[in-house]
């Protein structure tokens, strides 16, 4: 069953986002496995809504890929990461913007 969550990253800016996302996509060869939708940030910090095939796909990305990447970028053993704010998914309908 699909799993959705919103991640609030207060105080971060689009420059930070623009630095991390290409590195993440390089490691995962594009959108991470299991990620259905990822929307980019807004001004004044950012909110990232995502929809995943499952919560397990998201957990794998966070623990196995994103955390080591942030450790490398920040030099911190335990880099700050926002906690997910899950929301239920009943149905997904989308149209590509490409």
N, C-alpha and C. Protein backbone atom coordinates (compact mmCIF):
# COMPACT_ATOMS: atom_id res chain seq x y z
N UNK A 1 0.85 -1.18 0.00
CA UNK A 1 0.00 0.00 0.00
C UNK A 1 0.89 1.24 0.00
N UNK A 2 0.49 2.24 -0.76
CA UNK A 2 1.27 3.47 -0.85
C UNK A 2 1.33 4.17 0.51
N UNK A 3 2.42 4.92 0.71
CA UNK A 3 2.66 5.64 1.97
C UNK A 3 3.08 7.05 1.60
N UNK A 4 2.46 8.04 2.24
CA UNK A 4 2.81 9.43 1.98
C UNK A 4 3.23 10.13 3.25
N UNK A 5 4.10 11.12 3.10
CA UNK A 5 4.53 11.90 4.25
C UNK A 5 5.00 13.27 3.77
N UNK A 6 4.92 14.21 4.68
CA UNK A 6 5.44 15.55 4.44
C UNK A 6 6.62 15.75 5.38
N UNK A 7 7.66 16.38 4.88
CA UNK A 7 8.86 16.65 5.66
C UNK A 7 9.08 18.15 5.69
N UNK A 8 9.04 18.74 6.87
CA UNK A 8 9.29 20.17 7.02
C UNK A 8 10.74 20.39 7.41
N UNK A 9 11.42 21.23 6.66
CA UNK A 9 12.84 21.52 6.91
C UNK A 9 12.96 23.03 7.14
N UNK A 10 12.68 23.49 8.37
CA UNK A 10 12.71 24.93 8.63
C UNK A 10 14.13 25.48 8.55
N UNK A 11 14.22 26.68 8.03
CA UNK A 11 15.51 27.35 7.98
C UNK A 11 16.40 26.92 6.83
N UNK A 12 16.07 25.85 6.15
CA UNK A 12 16.87 25.43 5.00
C UNK A 12 16.44 26.26 3.80
N UNK A 13 17.32 26.34 2.82
CA UNK A 13 16.98 27.12 1.64
C UNK A 13 17.09 26.27 0.39
N UNK A 14 16.68 26.84 -0.73
CA UNK A 14 16.70 26.08 -1.97
C UNK A 14 18.12 25.76 -2.42
N UNK A 15 19.10 26.54 -1.98
CA UNK A 15 20.49 26.22 -2.32
C UNK A 15 20.92 24.91 -1.69
N UNK A 16 20.54 24.69 -0.43
CA UNK A 16 20.86 23.42 0.24
C UNK A 16 20.18 22.26 -0.48
N UNK A 17 18.91 22.47 -0.79
CA UNK A 17 18.14 21.45 -1.51
C UNK A 17 18.82 21.14 -2.85
N UNK A 18 19.17 22.20 -3.58
CA UNK A 18 19.78 22.03 -4.90
C UNK A 18 21.15 21.39 -4.84
N UNK A 19 21.80 21.42 -3.69
CA UNK A 19 23.09 20.75 -3.52
C UNK A 19 22.88 19.26 -3.25
N UNK A 20 21.91 18.94 -2.42
CA UNK A 20 21.73 17.56 -1.98
C UNK A 20 21.03 16.69 -3.02
N UNK A 21 19.98 17.20 -3.66
CA UNK A 21 19.18 16.37 -4.57
C UNK A 21 20.00 15.79 -5.73
N UNK A 22 20.85 16.56 -6.43
CA UNK A 22 21.63 15.96 -7.51
C UNK A 22 22.57 14.86 -7.01
N UNK A 23 23.13 15.03 -5.81
CA UNK A 23 24.00 13.99 -5.26
C UNK A 23 23.18 12.72 -4.96
N UNK A 24 22.01 12.91 -4.41
CA UNK A 24 21.13 11.78 -4.12
C UNK A 24 20.74 11.07 -5.42
N UNK A 25 20.36 11.83 -6.44
CA UNK A 25 19.96 11.23 -7.71
C UNK A 25 21.13 10.55 -8.41
N UNK A 26 22.33 11.01 -8.17
CA UNK A 26 23.50 10.35 -8.72
C UNK A 26 23.67 8.96 -8.09
N UNK A 27 23.49 8.90 -6.78
CA UNK A 27 23.63 7.63 -6.06
C UNK A 27 22.51 6.66 -6.44
N UNK A 28 21.30 7.17 -6.61
CA UNK A 28 20.14 6.31 -6.86
C UNK A 28 19.79 6.21 -8.35
N UNK A 29 20.58 6.84 -9.21
CA UNK A 29 20.32 6.87 -10.65
C UNK A 29 18.92 7.41 -10.96
N UNK A 30 18.60 8.55 -10.41
CA UNK A 30 17.30 9.18 -10.63
C UNK A 30 16.46 9.14 -9.37
N UNK A 31 15.17 9.12 -9.54
CA UNK A 31 14.25 9.05 -8.41
C UNK A 31 14.51 7.76 -7.65
N UNK A 32 14.65 7.81 -6.32
CA UNK A 32 14.95 6.60 -5.55
C UNK A 32 13.89 5.51 -5.75
N UNK A 33 14.33 4.27 -5.69
CA UNK A 33 13.42 3.14 -5.85
C UNK A 33 12.28 3.24 -4.85
N UNK A 34 11.07 3.09 -5.34
CA UNK A 34 9.90 3.13 -4.49
C UNK A 34 9.28 4.50 -4.34
N UNK A 35 9.99 5.56 -4.74
CA UNK A 35 9.44 6.92 -4.65
C UNK A 35 8.56 7.17 -5.86
N UNK A 36 7.31 7.53 -5.61
CA UNK A 36 6.36 7.79 -6.68
C UNK A 36 6.32 9.28 -7.00
N UNK A 37 6.28 10.12 -5.96
CA UNK A 37 6.20 11.57 -6.15
C UNK A 37 7.07 12.26 -5.12
N UNK A 38 7.85 13.24 -5.56
CA UNK A 38 8.64 14.10 -4.67
C UNK A 38 8.45 15.51 -5.19
N UNK A 39 8.02 16.41 -4.33
CA UNK A 39 7.83 17.80 -4.75
C UNK A 39 8.85 18.69 -4.06
N UNK A 40 9.34 19.67 -4.78
CA UNK A 40 10.45 20.49 -4.28
C UNK A 40 10.01 21.60 -3.33
N UNK A 41 11.01 22.28 -2.74
CA UNK A 41 10.75 23.19 -1.62
C UNK A 41 10.07 24.50 -1.98
N UNK A 42 9.65 25.16 -0.90
CA UNK A 42 9.10 26.51 -1.00
C UNK A 42 10.04 27.46 -0.27
N UNK A 43 9.75 28.73 -0.29
CA UNK A 43 10.60 29.73 0.36
C UNK A 43 10.52 29.64 1.89
N UNK A 44 11.59 30.10 2.56
CA UNK A 44 11.59 30.20 4.02
C UNK A 44 11.63 28.85 4.70
N UNK A 45 12.59 28.03 4.33
CA UNK A 45 12.57 26.64 4.74
C UNK A 45 11.81 25.93 3.66
N UNK A 46 11.62 24.66 3.80
CA UNK A 46 10.81 24.02 2.78
C UNK A 46 10.03 22.84 3.32
N UNK A 47 8.98 22.53 2.59
CA UNK A 47 8.10 21.40 2.89
C UNK A 47 8.17 20.48 1.69
N UNK A 48 8.49 19.22 1.95
CA UNK A 48 8.63 18.25 0.88
C UNK A 48 7.58 17.16 1.04
N UNK A 49 6.52 17.19 0.24
CA UNK A 49 5.57 16.07 0.25
C UNK A 49 6.10 14.95 -0.65
N UNK A 50 5.94 13.73 -0.21
CA UNK A 50 6.37 12.58 -1.00
C UNK A 50 5.33 11.48 -0.91
N UNK A 51 5.27 10.67 -1.96
CA UNK A 51 4.45 9.47 -1.97
C UNK A 51 5.37 8.33 -2.37
N UNK A 52 5.33 7.26 -1.59
CA UNK A 52 6.19 6.10 -1.79
C UNK A 52 5.34 4.85 -1.99
N UNK A 53 5.93 3.85 -2.64
CA UNK A 53 5.24 2.57 -2.79
C UNK A 53 4.95 1.96 -1.43
N UNK A 54 5.85 2.18 -0.47
CA UNK A 54 5.64 1.67 0.89
C UNK A 54 6.52 2.46 1.85
N UNK A 55 6.18 2.39 3.14
CA UNK A 55 7.01 3.04 4.15
C UNK A 55 8.39 2.38 4.20
N UNK A 56 8.46 1.09 3.93
CA UNK A 56 9.75 0.38 3.94
C UNK A 56 10.70 0.94 2.87
N UNK A 57 10.18 1.29 1.69
CA UNK A 57 11.03 1.90 0.66
C UNK A 57 11.63 3.20 1.18
N UNK A 58 10.80 4.03 1.83
CA UNK A 58 11.30 5.29 2.36
C UNK A 58 12.35 5.04 3.45
N UNK A 59 12.08 4.11 4.36
CA UNK A 59 13.03 3.81 5.44
C UNK A 59 14.37 3.35 4.88
N UNK A 60 14.34 2.55 3.81
CA UNK A 60 15.58 2.09 3.18
C UNK A 60 16.37 3.29 2.64
N UNK A 61 15.67 4.18 1.94
CA UNK A 61 16.36 5.37 1.41
C UNK A 61 16.99 6.17 2.54
N UNK A 62 16.23 6.41 3.60
CA UNK A 62 16.73 7.26 4.69
C UNK A 62 17.95 6.64 5.38
N UNK A 63 17.86 5.36 5.73
CA UNK A 63 18.95 4.75 6.50
C UNK A 63 20.15 4.35 5.66
N UNK A 64 19.91 3.85 4.46
CA UNK A 64 21.00 3.29 3.66
C UNK A 64 21.62 4.27 2.67
N UNK A 65 20.88 5.33 2.29
CA UNK A 65 21.38 6.23 1.26
C UNK A 65 21.47 7.67 1.74
N UNK A 66 20.35 8.22 2.22
CA UNK A 66 20.31 9.64 2.56
C UNK A 66 21.17 9.97 3.78
N UNK A 67 21.08 9.18 4.85
CA UNK A 67 21.89 9.47 6.04
C UNK A 67 23.38 9.45 5.74
N UNK A 68 23.92 8.41 5.07
CA UNK A 68 25.35 8.46 4.74
C UNK A 68 25.74 9.64 3.85
N UNK A 69 24.84 10.01 2.93
CA UNK A 69 25.12 11.15 2.06
C UNK A 69 25.19 12.44 2.87
N UNK A 70 24.23 12.63 3.78
CA UNK A 70 24.25 13.83 4.63
C UNK A 70 25.45 13.82 5.58
N UNK A 71 25.84 12.66 6.06
CA UNK A 71 27.03 12.57 6.91
C UNK A 71 28.26 13.05 6.13
N UNK A 72 28.35 12.63 4.87
CA UNK A 72 29.48 13.03 4.04
C UNK A 72 29.47 14.54 3.80
N UNK A 73 28.30 15.10 3.52
CA UNK A 73 28.20 16.52 3.21
C UNK A 73 28.43 17.38 4.45
N UNK A 74 27.80 17.01 5.58
CA UNK A 74 27.86 17.85 6.78
C UNK A 74 29.04 17.54 7.68
N UNK A 75 29.58 16.33 7.59
CA UNK A 75 30.63 15.91 8.50
C UNK A 75 30.10 15.53 9.87
N UNK A 76 28.79 15.50 10.02
CA UNK A 76 28.17 15.15 11.30
C UNK A 76 27.84 13.66 11.34
N UNK A 77 28.06 13.04 12.50
CA UNK A 77 27.75 11.62 12.65
C UNK A 77 26.24 11.38 12.59
N UNK A 78 25.48 12.31 13.18
CA UNK A 78 24.02 12.19 13.18
C UNK A 78 23.43 13.49 12.64
N UNK A 79 23.39 13.64 11.31
CA UNK A 79 22.86 14.89 10.75
C UNK A 79 21.37 15.04 11.03
N UNK A 80 20.94 16.29 11.22
CA UNK A 80 19.52 16.57 11.43
C UNK A 80 18.74 16.16 10.20
N UNK A 81 17.64 15.46 10.44
CA UNK A 81 16.71 15.11 9.38
C UNK A 81 15.30 15.27 9.94
N UNK A 82 14.41 15.84 9.14
CA UNK A 82 13.06 16.03 9.65
C UNK A 82 12.33 14.70 9.82
N UNK A 83 11.48 14.64 10.83
CA UNK A 83 10.64 13.46 11.01
C UNK A 83 9.49 13.53 10.02
N UNK A 84 9.10 12.38 9.48
CA UNK A 84 7.97 12.39 8.54
C UNK A 84 6.67 12.70 9.27
N UNK A 85 5.80 13.37 8.56
CA UNK A 85 4.43 13.60 9.02
C UNK A 85 3.54 12.80 8.06
N UNK A 86 3.32 11.52 8.38
CA UNK A 86 2.61 10.64 7.44
C UNK A 86 1.17 11.08 7.20
N UNK A 87 0.69 10.76 6.02
CA UNK A 87 -0.71 10.98 5.68
C UNK A 87 -1.21 9.77 4.90
N UNK A 88 -2.48 9.44 5.03
CA UNK A 88 -3.02 8.26 4.36
C UNK A 88 -3.15 8.49 2.85
N UNK A 89 -2.97 7.43 2.10
CA UNK A 89 -3.13 7.46 0.65
C UNK A 89 -4.26 6.50 0.29
N UNK A 90 -5.28 7.00 -0.32
CA UNK A 90 -6.37 6.15 -0.78
C UNK A 90 -6.17 5.80 -2.26
N UNK A 91 -5.76 6.80 -3.03
CA UNK A 91 -5.63 6.61 -4.47
C UNK A 91 -4.63 7.62 -4.99
N UNK A 92 -3.92 7.25 -6.05
CA UNK A 92 -2.95 8.17 -6.67
C UNK A 92 -3.29 8.27 -8.15
N UNK A 93 -3.44 9.49 -8.60
CA UNK A 93 -3.63 9.76 -10.01
C UNK A 93 -2.67 10.89 -10.35
N UNK A 94 -1.92 10.74 -11.41
CA UNK A 94 -0.94 11.77 -11.73
C UNK A 94 -0.79 11.91 -13.23
N UNK A 95 -0.36 13.07 -13.61
CA UNK A 95 -0.02 13.35 -15.00
C UNK A 95 1.41 13.88 -15.00
N UNK A 96 2.21 13.41 -15.88
CA UNK A 96 3.59 13.85 -15.94
C UNK A 96 3.65 15.32 -16.37
N UNK A 97 4.61 16.05 -15.78
CA UNK A 97 4.82 17.44 -16.18
C UNK A 97 5.92 17.55 -17.23
N UNK A 98 6.49 16.43 -17.62
CA UNK A 98 7.58 16.44 -18.62
C UNK A 98 7.02 16.39 -20.02
